[in-house]
Structure formats: C-alpha cells, structure tokens
Amino acid sequence: MFKKQDRNEIRVIRHARVRKKISGTTERPRLCVYRSNSHIYAQVIDDSMGKTLAAAGSNEKDFGIYGGNIEAAKKVGQLVAERAMAAIPFAGRYRLIDFMLSTICSWIRALKSIFKAWKQSVISTYFSFCASKKRRIEARASIRPA
C-alpha cells in the first residue's frame, strides 16, 4: 500500500537535493529562504566558514505587519539586503567589477545617444538629398518642351 510522506520529510529531501549543487562562499554567499504558514525567514549564509552573515524574519519584534503575505516578504527581503550589505565584505574585486560595469553601462548609454544623433542627422540628410533631387527632377521636367 502507498504510504504518504510527511510534508516536512519532502521539504528536507528537496533541501538536500538543492544543497548538493549549491554552496555559499565568502565571495558569493548563499541566500536561504523559508516560508511557514504565518511567517517568512531569510538568511545569507557562508558555508565555507559555517556562519550566517545576515538574517531577517517576519517574526521579529519591530516588524509591525502580518508575516505571511507579499508585503511581509518584500519587507524581509529589504531587511536582509540591508543587513547583508553591512556584513558581507565587498573587498577590491567587487568594487572594481561594480565600477567597471557602471563605466561600461555609461559608455553604452553615451554611444547609444551618439548613434541616435548620428542616425537622425543621416536621416535628415537623406531626406534633404531626396527633396533636392526631387526638385531637380521637377525643374528638368518643367524646362523640357512637351
């Protein structure tokens, strides 16, 4: 006969399957989210050191709203992000990558605006060329004897 597994057992099996593939490091910590019926919890974990770097949950004293809905999840996400930014060491490499990415993005934006201006000038030049050519053709047609 078929024996139905407990939901918590199924959750533990799923957790073990995911944890075989994912592990948090100092450079890139793991985000763990757990949702119960009435609350939501989030942790930022460094598995190489075995430490929780930042955590937030809807069951904290100063949380203020019911913990089992979307607004609570958004608030928990903001809290854990703020705490993680303070706890995670963003040393050299990440700052450099962030600077390089922002620089590249600003260059791309500048190139887009330059290309847009160039494209508009090319189009306006083309239309003025077509208009002048049309005028020349009309002038030749009016000069020719019928």
N, C-alpha and C. Protein backbone atom coordinates (compact mmCIF):
# COMPACT_ATOMS: atom_id res chain seq x y z
N MET A 1 0.83 -1.18 0.00
CA MET A 1 0.00 0.00 0.00
C MET A 1 0.89 1.25 0.00
N PHE A 2 0.41 2.30 -0.60
CA PHE A 2 1.14 3.55 -0.74
C PHE A 2 1.13 4.31 0.58
N LYS A 3 2.33 4.68 1.05
CA LYS A 3 2.45 5.45 2.29
C LYS A 3 2.77 6.90 1.94
N LYS A 4 1.92 7.81 2.37
CA LYS A 4 2.11 9.23 2.08
C LYS A 4 3.20 9.79 2.99
N GLN A 5 4.18 10.50 2.37
CA GLN A 5 5.25 11.10 3.15
C GLN A 5 4.79 12.39 3.82
N ASP A 6 5.42 12.67 4.92
CA ASP A 6 5.16 13.91 5.64
C ASP A 6 5.70 15.08 4.82
N ARG A 7 5.05 16.23 4.86
CA ARG A 7 5.50 17.39 4.09
C ARG A 7 6.88 17.85 4.51
N ASN A 8 7.17 17.77 5.79
CA ASN A 8 8.50 18.18 6.26
C ASN A 8 9.57 17.24 5.72
N GLU A 9 9.30 15.94 5.64
CA GLU A 9 10.25 15.00 5.06
C GLU A 9 10.52 15.34 3.59
N ILE A 10 9.47 15.66 2.86
CA ILE A 10 9.62 16.04 1.45
C ILE A 10 10.46 17.30 1.33
N ARG A 11 10.23 18.26 2.23
CA ARG A 11 10.99 19.51 2.22
C ARG A 11 12.46 19.24 2.51
N VAL A 12 12.76 18.35 3.45
CA VAL A 12 14.14 18.03 3.80
C VAL A 12 14.84 17.35 2.62
N ILE A 13 14.15 16.46 1.93
CA ILE A 13 14.71 15.79 0.76
C ILE A 13 15.01 16.80 -0.34
N ARG A 14 14.07 17.72 -0.58
CA ARG A 14 14.28 18.77 -1.59
C ARG A 14 15.47 19.65 -1.21
N HIS A 15 15.56 20.00 0.08
CA HIS A 15 16.66 20.83 0.57
C HIS A 15 18.00 20.13 0.34
N ALA A 16 18.08 18.85 0.63
CA ALA A 16 19.32 18.10 0.45
C ALA A 16 19.70 18.03 -1.03
N ARG A 17 18.72 17.87 -1.90
CA ARG A 17 18.98 17.81 -3.34
C ARG A 17 19.55 19.14 -3.85
N VAL A 18 18.99 20.24 -3.37
CA VAL A 18 19.47 21.56 -3.78
C VAL A 18 20.85 21.83 -3.20
N ARG A 19 21.07 21.43 -1.95
CA ARG A 19 22.34 21.71 -1.28
C ARG A 19 23.50 20.91 -1.85
N LYS A 20 23.21 19.82 -2.59
CA LYS A 20 24.28 19.09 -3.26
C LYS A 20 24.91 19.97 -4.34
N LYS A 21 24.12 20.83 -4.94
CA LYS A 21 24.58 21.64 -6.07
C LYS A 21 25.01 23.05 -5.66
N ILE A 22 24.43 23.58 -4.59
CA ILE A 22 24.65 24.98 -4.23
C ILE A 22 25.35 25.05 -2.88
N SER A 23 26.40 25.88 -2.81
CA SER A 23 27.03 26.15 -1.53
C SER A 23 27.51 27.59 -1.53
N GLY A 24 27.42 28.24 -0.40
CA GLY A 24 27.81 29.64 -0.29
C GLY A 24 29.28 29.77 0.07
N THR A 25 29.94 30.76 -0.51
CA THR A 25 31.33 31.05 -0.20
C THR A 25 31.43 32.45 0.38
N THR A 26 32.62 32.83 0.79
CA THR A 26 32.81 34.18 1.32
C THR A 26 32.57 35.21 0.22
N GLU A 27 33.01 34.89 -1.00
CA GLU A 27 32.85 35.82 -2.10
C GLU A 27 31.41 35.88 -2.59
N ARG A 28 30.71 34.74 -2.52
CA ARG A 28 29.33 34.69 -3.01
C ARG A 28 28.49 33.84 -2.05
N PRO A 29 27.95 34.45 -1.02
CA PRO A 29 27.18 33.69 -0.04
C PRO A 29 25.84 33.21 -0.59
N ARG A 30 25.28 32.23 0.11
CA ARG A 30 24.02 31.61 -0.30
C ARG A 30 22.87 32.28 0.43
N LEU A 31 21.77 32.49 -0.28
CA LEU A 31 20.56 33.04 0.31
C LEU A 31 19.58 31.90 0.54
N CYS A 32 19.16 31.74 1.78
CA CYS A 32 18.23 30.68 2.14
C CYS A 32 16.93 31.32 2.60
N VAL A 33 15.83 30.93 1.99
CA VAL A 33 14.52 31.48 2.34
C VAL A 33 13.61 30.35 2.79
N TYR A 34 12.93 30.55 3.91
CA TYR A 34 11.98 29.56 4.41
C TYR A 34 10.66 30.27 4.69
N ARG A 35 9.57 29.67 4.25
CA ARG A 35 8.25 30.26 4.48
C ARG A 35 7.39 29.25 5.21
N SER A 36 6.89 29.64 6.36
CA SER A 36 5.92 28.82 7.07
C SER A 36 4.54 29.39 6.75
N ASN A 37 3.50 28.87 7.40
CA ASN A 37 2.15 29.37 7.14
C ASN A 37 1.96 30.81 7.60
N SER A 38 2.67 31.19 8.66
CA SER A 38 2.43 32.52 9.22
C SER A 38 3.62 33.47 9.15
N HIS A 39 4.80 32.99 8.78
CA HIS A 39 5.98 33.85 8.75
C HIS A 39 6.88 33.49 7.58
N ILE A 40 7.82 34.39 7.27
CA ILE A 40 8.85 34.15 6.27
C ILE A 40 10.19 34.56 6.85
N TYR A 41 11.22 33.75 6.54
CA TYR A 41 12.56 33.97 7.08
C TYR A 41 13.55 33.94 5.93
N ALA A 42 14.62 34.73 6.04
CA ALA A 42 15.68 34.72 5.03
C ALA A 42 17.03 34.84 5.72
N GLN A 43 18.02 34.09 5.21
CA GLN A 43 19.37 34.12 5.76
C GLN A 43 20.37 34.21 4.62
N VAL A 44 21.47 34.89 4.87
CA VAL A 44 22.60 34.91 3.95
C VAL A 44 23.70 34.11 4.64
N ILE A 45 24.14 32.98 4.00
CA ILE A 45 24.99 32.01 4.67
C ILE A 45 26.30 31.83 3.91
N ASP A 46 27.39 31.78 4.67
CA ASP A 46 28.71 31.44 4.13
C ASP A 46 29.01 30.02 4.58
N ASP A 47 28.91 29.05 3.65
CA ASP A 47 29.11 27.65 4.01
C ASP A 47 30.57 27.29 4.23
N SER A 48 31.49 28.02 3.62
CA SER A 48 32.90 27.70 3.82
C SER A 48 33.33 27.98 5.26
N MET A 49 32.76 29.00 5.89
CA MET A 49 33.07 29.31 7.28
C MET A 49 32.02 28.73 8.23
N GLY A 50 30.88 28.34 7.70
CA GLY A 50 29.82 27.80 8.54
C GLY A 50 29.13 28.88 9.36
N LYS A 51 28.97 30.07 8.78
CA LYS A 51 28.38 31.19 9.52
C LYS A 51 27.19 31.76 8.77
N THR A 52 26.23 32.26 9.53
CA THR A 52 25.14 33.05 8.97
C THR A 52 25.57 34.51 9.03
N LEU A 53 25.70 35.13 7.87
CA LEU A 53 26.19 36.50 7.81
C LEU A 53 25.10 37.52 8.13
N ALA A 54 23.89 37.25 7.67
CA ALA A 54 22.77 38.16 7.93
C ALA A 54 21.49 37.35 7.92
N ALA A 55 20.54 37.80 8.72
CA ALA A 55 19.25 37.10 8.77
C ALA A 55 18.14 38.10 9.07
N ALA A 56 16.96 37.79 8.59
CA ALA A 56 15.78 38.60 8.87
C ALA A 56 14.58 37.68 8.83
N GLY A 57 13.56 38.06 9.58
CA GLY A 57 12.34 37.26 9.60
C GLY A 57 11.16 38.12 9.96
N SER A 58 9.99 37.64 9.59
CA SER A 58 8.78 38.41 9.88
C SER A 58 8.31 38.22 11.31
N ASN A 59 9.00 37.42 12.09
CA ASN A 59 8.61 37.22 13.48
C ASN A 59 9.39 38.11 14.44
N GLU A 60 10.16 39.07 13.93
CA GLU A 60 10.90 39.98 14.79
C GLU A 60 9.95 40.95 15.48
N LYS A 61 10.38 41.49 16.62
CA LYS A 61 9.51 42.33 17.43
C LYS A 61 9.05 43.59 16.72
N ASP A 62 9.96 44.28 16.05
CA ASP A 62 9.63 45.57 15.44
C ASP A 62 9.17 45.43 13.99
N PHE A 63 8.70 44.25 13.60
CA PHE A 63 8.31 44.02 12.21
C PHE A 63 7.03 44.77 11.85
N GLY A 64 6.01 44.68 12.69
CA GLY A 64 4.83 45.54 12.54
C GLY A 64 3.67 45.01 11.72
N ILE A 65 3.89 44.16 10.70
CA ILE A 65 2.77 43.70 9.88
C ILE A 65 2.69 42.18 9.95
N TYR A 66 1.59 41.65 9.47
CA TYR A 66 1.40 40.20 9.44
C TYR A 66 2.47 39.58 8.55
N GLY A 67 3.04 38.47 8.97
CA GLY A 67 4.21 37.92 8.31
C GLY A 67 3.99 36.94 7.20
N GLY A 68 2.76 36.62 6.83
CA GLY A 68 2.54 35.59 5.84
C GLY A 68 2.06 36.09 4.50
N ASN A 69 2.31 37.34 4.16
CA ASN A 69 1.81 37.85 2.87
C ASN A 69 2.96 38.46 2.05
N ILE A 70 2.62 39.00 0.89
CA ILE A 70 3.63 39.51 -0.05
C ILE A 70 4.33 40.74 0.51
N GLU A 71 3.59 41.62 1.17
CA GLU A 71 4.21 42.83 1.74
C GLU A 71 5.27 42.45 2.77
N ALA A 72 4.98 41.43 3.56
CA ALA A 72 5.95 40.97 4.56
C ALA A 72 7.19 40.39 3.88
N ALA A 73 6.99 39.65 2.80
CA ALA A 73 8.12 39.09 2.07
C ALA A 73 9.01 40.19 1.50
N LYS A 74 8.39 41.26 0.96
CA LYS A 74 9.16 42.38 0.44
C LYS A 74 9.96 43.05 1.55
N LYS A 75 9.32 43.22 2.71
CA LYS A 75 9.99 43.88 3.83
C LYS A 75 11.14 43.02 4.36
N VAL A 76 10.93 41.71 4.44
CA VAL A 76 12.00 40.82 4.88
C VAL A 76 13.16 40.86 3.89
N GLY A 77 12.85 40.90 2.59
CA GLY A 77 13.89 40.99 1.57
C GLY A 77 14.71 42.27 1.71
N GLN A 78 14.03 43.38 1.98
CA GLN A 78 14.75 44.65 2.16
C GLN A 78 15.63 44.59 3.41
N LEU A 79 15.09 44.03 4.51
CA LEU A 79 15.85 43.93 5.75
C LEU A 79 17.10 43.06 5.58
N VAL A 80 16.93 41.89 4.96
CA VAL A 80 18.09 41.00 4.80
C VAL A 80 19.11 41.61 3.84
N ALA A 81 18.66 42.36 2.84
CA ALA A 81 19.59 43.02 1.92
C ALA A 81 20.40 44.09 2.64
N GLU A 82 19.74 44.89 3.46
CA GLU A 82 20.45 45.93 4.22
C GLU A 82 21.47 45.32 5.17
N ARG A 83 21.05 44.27 5.88
CA ARG A 83 21.95 43.63 6.84
C ARG A 83 23.10 42.92 6.13
N ALA A 84 22.83 42.34 4.99
CA ALA A 84 23.88 41.64 4.25
C ALA A 84 24.90 42.63 3.69
N MET A 85 24.44 43.78 3.21
CA MET A 85 25.37 44.78 2.69
C MET A 85 26.33 45.24 3.79
N ALA A 86 25.85 45.30 5.02
CA ALA A 86 26.71 45.70 6.12
C ALA A 86 27.65 44.57 6.55
N ALA A 87 27.24 43.31 6.38
CA ALA A 87 28.00 42.18 6.89
C ALA A 87 28.97 41.58 5.88
N ILE A 88 28.64 41.62 4.60
CA ILE A 88 29.46 40.95 3.59
C ILE A 88 30.61 41.86 3.20
N PRO A 89 31.84 41.34 3.21
CA PRO A 89 32.99 42.18 2.83
C PRO A 89 33.07 42.33 1.32
N PHE A 90 32.78 43.52 0.83
CA PHE A 90 32.90 43.79 -0.60
C PHE A 90 34.29 44.37 -0.84
N ALA A 91 35.28 43.51 -0.81
CA ALA A 91 36.66 43.95 -0.96
C ALA A 91 37.02 44.03 -2.43
N GLY A 92 37.95 44.89 -2.72
CA GLY A 92 38.55 45.15 -4.01
C GLY A 92 37.85 44.65 -5.25
N ARG A 93 37.75 43.35 -5.41
CA ARG A 93 37.30 42.78 -6.66
C ARG A 93 35.88 43.21 -7.00
N TYR A 94 34.98 43.14 -6.03
CA TYR A 94 33.60 43.50 -6.31
C TYR A 94 33.45 44.99 -6.58
N ARG A 95 34.15 45.81 -5.84
CA ARG A 95 34.11 47.25 -6.09
C ARG A 95 34.63 47.54 -7.50
N LEU A 96 35.72 46.87 -7.87
CA LEU A 96 36.30 47.08 -9.19
C LEU A 96 35.33 46.63 -10.28
N ILE A 97 34.73 45.44 -10.09
CA ILE A 97 33.77 44.94 -11.07
C ILE A 97 32.58 45.88 -11.16
N ASP A 98 32.08 46.34 -10.01
CA ASP A 98 30.94 47.26 -9.99
C ASP A 98 31.30 48.54 -10.73
N PHE A 99 32.51 49.07 -10.47
CA PHE A 99 32.95 50.28 -11.14
C PHE A 99 33.06 50.05 -12.64
N MET A 100 33.65 48.89 -13.02
CA MET A 100 33.81 48.61 -14.44
C MET A 100 32.46 48.46 -15.12
N LEU A 101 31.52 47.77 -14.48
CA LEU A 101 30.20 47.59 -15.07
C LEU A 101 29.47 48.92 -15.22
N SER A 102 29.56 49.76 -14.18
CA SER A 102 28.88 51.05 -14.28
C SER A 102 29.54 51.92 -15.36
N THR A 103 30.86 51.84 -15.48
CA THR A 103 31.55 52.59 -16.52
C THR A 103 31.14 52.10 -17.90
N ILE A 104 31.10 50.78 -18.07
CA ILE A 104 30.70 50.21 -19.36
C ILE A 104 29.27 50.62 -19.69
N CYS A 105 28.39 50.56 -18.70
CA CYS A 105 26.99 50.96 -18.94
C CYS A 105 26.90 52.42 -19.34
N SER A 106 27.67 53.28 -18.69
CA SER A 106 27.62 54.70 -19.06
C SER A 106 28.18 54.90 -20.46
N TRP A 107 29.23 54.15 -20.83
CA TRP A 107 29.74 54.24 -22.19
C TRP A 107 28.70 53.79 -23.19
N ILE A 108 28.01 52.71 -22.89
CA ILE A 108 26.97 52.21 -23.80
C ILE A 108 25.87 53.24 -23.97
N ARG A 109 25.45 53.86 -22.85
CA ARG A 109 24.42 54.90 -22.94
C ARG A 109 24.90 56.06 -23.80
N ALA A 110 26.17 56.47 -23.62
CA ALA A 110 26.72 57.57 -24.42
C ALA A 110 26.77 57.19 -25.89
N LEU A 111 27.21 55.97 -26.17
CA LEU A 111 27.26 55.52 -27.56
C LEU A 111 25.87 55.46 -28.18
N LYS A 112 24.89 55.03 -27.40
CA LYS A 112 23.52 55.00 -27.91
C LYS A 112 23.04 56.40 -28.27
N SER A 113 23.31 57.36 -27.39
CA SER A 113 22.87 58.73 -27.68
C SER A 113 23.61 59.30 -28.89
N ILE A 114 24.91 58.99 -28.99
CA ILE A 114 25.67 59.46 -30.16
C ILE A 114 25.13 58.81 -31.42
N PHE A 115 24.88 57.50 -31.37
CA PHE A 115 24.35 56.80 -32.53
C PHE A 115 22.97 57.34 -32.91
N LYS A 116 22.15 57.64 -31.90
CA LYS A 116 20.81 58.18 -32.17
C LYS A 116 20.93 59.53 -32.87
N ALA A 117 21.82 60.40 -32.38
CA ALA A 117 22.01 61.71 -33.00
C ALA A 117 22.56 61.56 -34.42
N TRP A 118 23.53 60.65 -34.60
CA TRP A 118 24.08 60.39 -35.93
C TRP A 118 23.01 59.86 -36.88
N LYS A 119 22.19 58.94 -36.38
CA LYS A 119 21.13 58.35 -37.20
C LYS A 119 20.14 59.43 -37.63
N GLN A 120 19.77 60.33 -36.70
CA GLN A 120 18.85 61.41 -37.04
C GLN A 120 19.46 62.34 -38.07
N SER A 121 20.75 62.64 -37.92
CA SER A 121 21.39 63.53 -38.89
C SER A 121 21.49 62.86 -40.26
N VAL A 122 21.77 61.55 -40.27
CA VAL A 122 21.84 60.82 -41.54
C VAL A 122 20.48 60.80 -42.20
N ILE A 123 19.44 60.54 -41.41
CA ILE A 123 18.08 60.51 -41.97
C ILE A 123 17.68 61.87 -42.51
N SER A 124 17.96 62.93 -41.73
CA SER A 124 17.60 64.26 -42.20
C SER A 124 18.40 64.63 -43.45
N THR A 125 19.68 64.24 -43.51
CA THR A 125 20.49 64.49 -44.69
C THR A 125 19.93 63.74 -45.89
N TYR A 126 19.54 62.49 -45.66
CA TYR A 126 18.98 61.68 -46.75
C TYR A 126 17.69 62.30 -47.27
N PHE A 127 16.81 62.74 -46.34
CA PHE A 127 15.56 63.35 -46.78
C PHE A 127 15.80 64.66 -47.52
N SER A 128 16.76 65.45 -47.04
CA SER A 128 17.05 66.70 -47.75
C SER A 128 17.65 66.41 -49.13
N PHE A 129 18.48 65.36 -49.21
CA PHE A 129 19.04 64.95 -50.50
C PHE A 129 17.92 64.51 -51.46
N CYS A 130 16.98 63.70 -50.93
CA CYS A 130 15.86 63.24 -51.76
C CYS A 130 15.00 64.42 -52.20
N ALA A 131 14.78 65.36 -51.28
CA ALA A 131 13.96 66.52 -51.63
C ALA A 131 14.65 67.37 -52.69
N SER A 132 15.96 67.57 -52.56
CA SER A 132 16.66 68.37 -53.56
C SER A 132 16.70 67.64 -54.90
N LYS A 133 16.85 66.31 -54.87
CA LYS A 133 16.84 65.54 -56.11
C LYS A 133 15.47 65.63 -56.77
N LYS A 134 14.42 65.56 -55.96
CA LYS A 134 13.05 65.67 -56.49
C LYS A 134 12.86 67.04 -57.13
N ARG A 135 13.38 68.09 -56.47
CA ARG A 135 13.26 69.44 -57.02
C ARG A 135 14.00 69.56 -58.35
N ARG A 136 15.20 68.93 -58.42
CA ARG A 136 15.95 68.98 -59.67
C ARG A 136 15.21 68.25 -60.79
N ILE A 137 14.62 67.10 -60.46
CA ILE A 137 13.86 66.36 -61.47
C ILE A 137 12.66 67.17 -61.94
N GLU A 138 11.96 67.82 -61.00
CA GLU A 138 10.81 68.65 -61.36
C GLU A 138 11.25 69.84 -62.20
N ALA A 139 12.40 70.41 -61.86
CA ALA A 139 12.90 71.55 -62.64
C ALA A 139 13.24 71.12 -64.05
N ARG A 140 13.86 69.96 -64.22
CA ARG A 140 14.19 69.47 -65.56
C ARG A 140 12.91 69.18 -66.35
N ALA A 141 11.91 68.64 -65.67
CA ALA A 141 10.66 68.33 -66.35
C ALA A 141 9.96 69.61 -66.81
N SER A 142 10.06 70.68 -66.05
CA SER A 142 9.42 71.92 -66.44
C SER A 142 10.19 72.62 -67.56
N ILE A 143 11.51 72.40 -67.65
CA ILE A 143 12.32 73.03 -68.69
C ILE A 143 12.11 72.33 -70.03
N ARG A 144 11.96 71.02 -70.02
CA ARG A 144 11.82 70.27 -71.26
C ARG A 144 10.56 70.69 -72.01
N PRO A 145 10.68 70.81 -73.32
CA PRO A 145 9.47 71.12 -74.10
C PRO A 145 8.58 69.89 -74.19
N ALA A 146 7.33 70.10 -74.12
CA ALA A 146 6.40 68.99 -74.15
C ALA A 146 6.03 68.59 -75.54
